[in-house]
Every structure is written in C-alpha cells, then in structure tokens.
Amino acid sequence: MSGFMVFPIVVFLVVVAPLWLILHYRSKKQLGEGLSVQETAQLNQLVERAEQLQKRVRTLESILDVEAPNWRNQE
C-alpha cells in the first residue's frame, strides 16, 4: 500500500509543486507591478469617455426639465 502512494507523491513534488510555486510567484509579481502603460492609456480613455457621457446625460436631463417638468415622476 505504501509503494502505491510513493509514485504520485514523487511526481507531485518533482513536477507539480515547482510549477505551482513558479506560477504563483510570477502572478504575485505582476500584481505588484500595477498597470502597464497601455492599460493606463486605455483607462484614461475610458475615464474621458465616461465624463463625456455624463455631460451628455446632464444636458439631456436639463432639456427634459424644461420641456417636460414632471418627466422624473413618470413610471
């Protein structure tokens, strides 16, 4: 019975455990580095687009407030 368990344990310790540790610490390193230059640029573009959309919504709401004062209370 103990001979049956030796092979899987050896395979785990020789193959799986080192790969697991390498991949774990590589992902920890990437998380610690933060965003790349491309990701930061994309994030800035998304923020700018969100601000533009927010301005449009405010403009549309102000138009609706003038043309249909009770539009917010309608369901």
N, C-alpha and C. Protein backbone atom coordinates (compact mmCIF):
# COMPACT_ATOMS: atom_id res chain seq x y z
N MET A 1 0.82 -1.19 0.00
CA MET A 1 0.00 0.00 0.00
C MET A 1 0.87 1.26 0.00
N SER A 2 1.96 1.26 0.78
CA SER A 2 2.81 2.46 0.83
C SER A 2 3.55 2.66 -0.49
N GLY A 3 3.87 1.60 -1.21
CA GLY A 3 4.52 1.70 -2.51
C GLY A 3 3.60 2.32 -3.55
N PHE A 4 2.32 2.12 -3.37
CA PHE A 4 1.32 2.68 -4.27
C PHE A 4 1.27 4.20 -4.17
N MET A 5 1.54 4.75 -3.01
CA MET A 5 1.46 6.20 -2.78
C MET A 5 2.78 6.92 -3.06
N VAL A 6 3.88 6.22 -3.13
CA VAL A 6 5.18 6.84 -3.32
C VAL A 6 5.28 7.51 -4.69
N PHE A 7 4.86 6.83 -5.74
CA PHE A 7 4.98 7.39 -7.09
C PHE A 7 4.19 8.70 -7.25
N PRO A 8 2.90 8.76 -6.88
CA PRO A 8 2.18 10.04 -7.02
C PRO A 8 2.79 11.17 -6.18
N ILE A 9 3.28 10.86 -5.01
CA ILE A 9 3.90 11.89 -4.16
C ILE A 9 5.18 12.41 -4.81
N VAL A 10 5.99 11.52 -5.36
CA VAL A 10 7.23 11.93 -6.01
C VAL A 10 6.93 12.78 -7.24
N VAL A 11 5.95 12.36 -8.04
CA VAL A 11 5.57 13.13 -9.22
C VAL A 11 5.08 14.51 -8.80
N PHE A 12 4.28 14.58 -7.76
CA PHE A 12 3.78 15.87 -7.28
C PHE A 12 4.94 16.76 -6.84
N LEU A 13 5.85 16.24 -6.06
CA LEU A 13 6.96 17.04 -5.54
C LEU A 13 7.95 17.45 -6.62
N VAL A 14 8.12 16.64 -7.65
CA VAL A 14 9.11 16.92 -8.67
C VAL A 14 8.54 17.79 -9.80
N VAL A 15 7.27 17.58 -10.16
CA VAL A 15 6.70 18.28 -11.31
C VAL A 15 5.71 19.35 -10.91
N VAL A 16 4.71 18.99 -10.16
CA VAL A 16 3.59 19.89 -9.90
C VAL A 16 3.97 21.01 -8.93
N ALA A 17 4.58 20.68 -7.83
CA ALA A 17 4.89 21.70 -6.82
C ALA A 17 5.80 22.81 -7.36
N PRO A 18 6.89 22.51 -8.06
CA PRO A 18 7.71 23.61 -8.59
C PRO A 18 6.96 24.50 -9.58
N LEU A 19 6.19 23.88 -10.48
CA LEU A 19 5.40 24.68 -11.43
C LEU A 19 4.40 25.56 -10.70
N TRP A 20 3.77 25.00 -9.70
CA TRP A 20 2.78 25.73 -8.91
C TRP A 20 3.43 26.94 -8.24
N LEU A 21 4.58 26.74 -7.63
CA LEU A 21 5.28 27.84 -6.96
C LEU A 21 5.74 28.91 -7.95
N ILE A 22 6.27 28.49 -9.09
CA ILE A 22 6.74 29.45 -10.10
C ILE A 22 5.58 30.29 -10.60
N LEU A 23 4.48 29.65 -10.96
CA LEU A 23 3.33 30.40 -11.47
C LEU A 23 2.71 31.29 -10.39
N HIS A 24 2.70 30.82 -9.16
CA HIS A 24 2.14 31.62 -8.07
C HIS A 24 2.94 32.91 -7.87
N TYR A 25 4.24 32.80 -7.77
CA TYR A 25 5.05 33.98 -7.52
C TYR A 25 5.16 34.88 -8.74
N ARG A 26 5.05 34.33 -9.94
CA ARG A 26 5.02 35.16 -11.14
C ARG A 26 3.75 36.02 -11.16
N SER A 27 2.62 35.44 -10.79
CA SER A 27 1.37 36.22 -10.76
C SER A 27 1.41 37.26 -9.65
N LYS A 28 2.02 36.94 -8.52
CA LYS A 28 2.17 37.93 -7.44
C LYS A 28 3.02 39.11 -7.90
N LYS A 29 4.07 38.83 -8.67
CA LYS A 29 4.95 39.89 -9.18
C LYS A 29 4.19 40.80 -10.13
N GLN A 30 3.38 40.21 -11.02
CA GLN A 30 2.61 41.00 -11.98
C GLN A 30 1.59 41.88 -11.26
N LEU A 31 0.97 41.38 -10.21
CA LEU A 31 0.01 42.18 -9.46
C LEU A 31 0.71 43.36 -8.77
N GLY A 32 1.92 43.13 -8.31
CA GLY A 32 2.66 44.17 -7.62
C GLY A 32 3.15 45.28 -8.54
N GLU A 33 3.31 44.99 -9.82
CA GLU A 33 3.82 45.98 -10.76
C GLU A 33 2.77 47.02 -11.12
N GLY A 34 1.51 46.68 -11.00
CA GLY A 34 0.45 47.63 -11.35
C GLY A 34 0.10 47.57 -12.82
N LEU A 35 -0.48 48.64 -13.31
CA LEU A 35 -0.94 48.68 -14.70
C LEU A 35 0.22 48.98 -15.65
N SER A 36 0.13 48.40 -16.84
CA SER A 36 1.12 48.69 -17.86
C SER A 36 0.80 50.05 -18.48
N VAL A 37 1.69 50.53 -19.33
CA VAL A 37 1.49 51.83 -19.99
C VAL A 37 0.25 51.77 -20.87
N GLN A 38 0.08 50.68 -21.58
CA GLN A 38 -1.09 50.53 -22.46
C GLN A 38 -2.38 50.48 -21.65
N GLU A 39 -2.37 49.77 -20.54
CA GLU A 39 -3.56 49.69 -19.69
C GLU A 39 -3.90 51.05 -19.08
N THR A 40 -2.88 51.81 -18.70
CA THR A 40 -3.11 53.15 -18.15
C THR A 40 -3.71 54.07 -19.20
N ALA A 41 -3.21 54.00 -20.43
CA ALA A 41 -3.75 54.82 -21.51
C ALA A 41 -5.20 54.45 -21.80
N GLN A 42 -5.49 53.16 -21.81
CA GLN A 42 -6.85 52.70 -22.06
C GLN A 42 -7.78 53.15 -20.93
N LEU A 43 -7.30 53.08 -19.71
CA LEU A 43 -8.10 53.53 -18.57
C LEU A 43 -8.39 55.02 -18.67
N ASN A 44 -7.40 55.81 -19.05
CA ASN A 44 -7.61 57.25 -19.21
C ASN A 44 -8.62 57.55 -20.31
N GLN A 45 -8.58 56.80 -21.40
CA GLN A 45 -9.56 56.97 -22.47
C GLN A 45 -10.97 56.65 -21.99
N LEU A 46 -11.09 55.60 -21.20
CA LEU A 46 -12.40 55.22 -20.67
C LEU A 46 -12.93 56.27 -19.70
N VAL A 47 -12.05 56.84 -18.90
CA VAL A 47 -12.47 57.90 -17.97
C VAL A 47 -12.95 59.12 -18.75
N GLU A 48 -12.22 59.48 -19.79
CA GLU A 48 -12.61 60.63 -20.62
C GLU A 48 -13.96 60.38 -21.29
N ARG A 49 -14.16 59.18 -21.81
CA ARG A 49 -15.43 58.85 -22.45
C ARG A 49 -16.58 58.87 -21.44
N ALA A 50 -16.34 58.39 -20.23
CA ALA A 50 -17.37 58.40 -19.19
C ALA A 50 -17.75 59.83 -18.82
N GLU A 51 -16.75 60.71 -18.76
CA GLU A 51 -17.04 62.12 -18.45
C GLU A 51 -17.86 62.77 -19.57
N GLN A 52 -17.55 62.45 -20.82
CA GLN A 52 -18.33 62.97 -21.95
C GLN A 52 -19.77 62.48 -21.89
N LEU A 53 -19.94 61.21 -21.59
CA LEU A 53 -21.30 60.67 -21.49
C LEU A 53 -22.07 61.30 -20.32
N GLN A 54 -21.38 61.56 -19.24
CA GLN A 54 -22.02 62.20 -18.09
C GLN A 54 -22.49 63.61 -18.46
N LYS A 55 -21.68 64.34 -19.21
CA LYS A 55 -22.08 65.68 -19.67
C LYS A 55 -23.31 65.59 -20.58
N ARG A 56 -23.33 64.60 -21.46
CA ARG A 56 -24.48 64.43 -22.36
C ARG A 56 -25.76 64.13 -21.57
N VAL A 57 -25.64 63.27 -20.58
CA VAL A 57 -26.82 62.94 -19.77
C VAL A 57 -27.32 64.18 -19.04
N ARG A 58 -26.41 64.95 -18.48
CA ARG A 58 -26.82 66.19 -17.80
C ARG A 58 -27.52 67.15 -18.76
N THR A 59 -26.99 67.27 -19.98
CA THR A 59 -27.61 68.14 -20.98
C THR A 59 -29.02 67.65 -21.33
N LEU A 60 -29.15 66.35 -21.56
CA LEU A 60 -30.46 65.80 -21.88
C LEU A 60 -31.44 65.97 -20.72
N GLU A 61 -30.97 65.79 -19.50
CA GLU A 61 -31.84 65.98 -18.35
C GLU A 61 -32.29 67.44 -18.23
N SER A 62 -31.38 68.38 -18.49
CA SER A 62 -31.78 69.79 -18.41
C SER A 62 -32.79 70.14 -19.51
N ILE A 63 -32.64 69.56 -20.69
CA ILE A 63 -33.61 69.78 -21.77
C ILE A 63 -34.97 69.20 -21.37
N LEU A 64 -34.96 68.01 -20.83
CA LEU A 64 -36.21 67.39 -20.40
C LEU A 64 -36.86 68.16 -19.25
N ASP A 65 -36.05 68.71 -18.36
CA ASP A 65 -36.60 69.51 -17.25
C ASP A 65 -37.37 70.71 -17.78
N VAL A 66 -36.90 71.31 -18.88
CA VAL A 66 -37.56 72.47 -19.46
C VAL A 66 -38.81 72.04 -20.24
N GLU A 67 -38.67 71.01 -21.06
CA GLU A 67 -39.76 70.63 -21.95
C GLU A 67 -40.83 69.78 -21.26
N ALA A 68 -40.45 68.96 -20.33
CA ALA A 68 -41.40 68.09 -19.60
C ALA A 68 -41.02 68.06 -18.14
N PRO A 69 -41.47 69.06 -17.37
CA PRO A 69 -41.02 69.21 -15.97
C PRO A 69 -41.26 67.98 -15.09
N ASN A 70 -42.26 67.20 -15.37
CA ASN A 70 -42.58 66.05 -14.50
C ASN A 70 -42.05 64.72 -15.05
N TRP A 71 -41.08 64.75 -15.90
CA TRP A 71 -40.60 63.52 -16.52
C TRP A 71 -39.97 62.55 -15.51
N ARG A 72 -39.43 63.08 -14.44
CA ARG A 72 -38.78 62.22 -13.45
C ARG A 72 -39.80 61.43 -12.62
N ASN A 73 -41.01 61.95 -12.50
CA ASN A 73 -42.03 61.29 -11.68
C ASN A 73 -42.84 60.26 -12.44
N GLN A 74 -42.64 60.18 -13.75
CA GLN A 74 -43.40 59.21 -14.55
C GLN A 74 -42.77 57.83 -14.43
N GLU A 75 -43.64 56.85 -14.44
CA GLU A 75 -43.13 55.47 -14.35
C GLU A 75 -43.35 54.71 -15.61
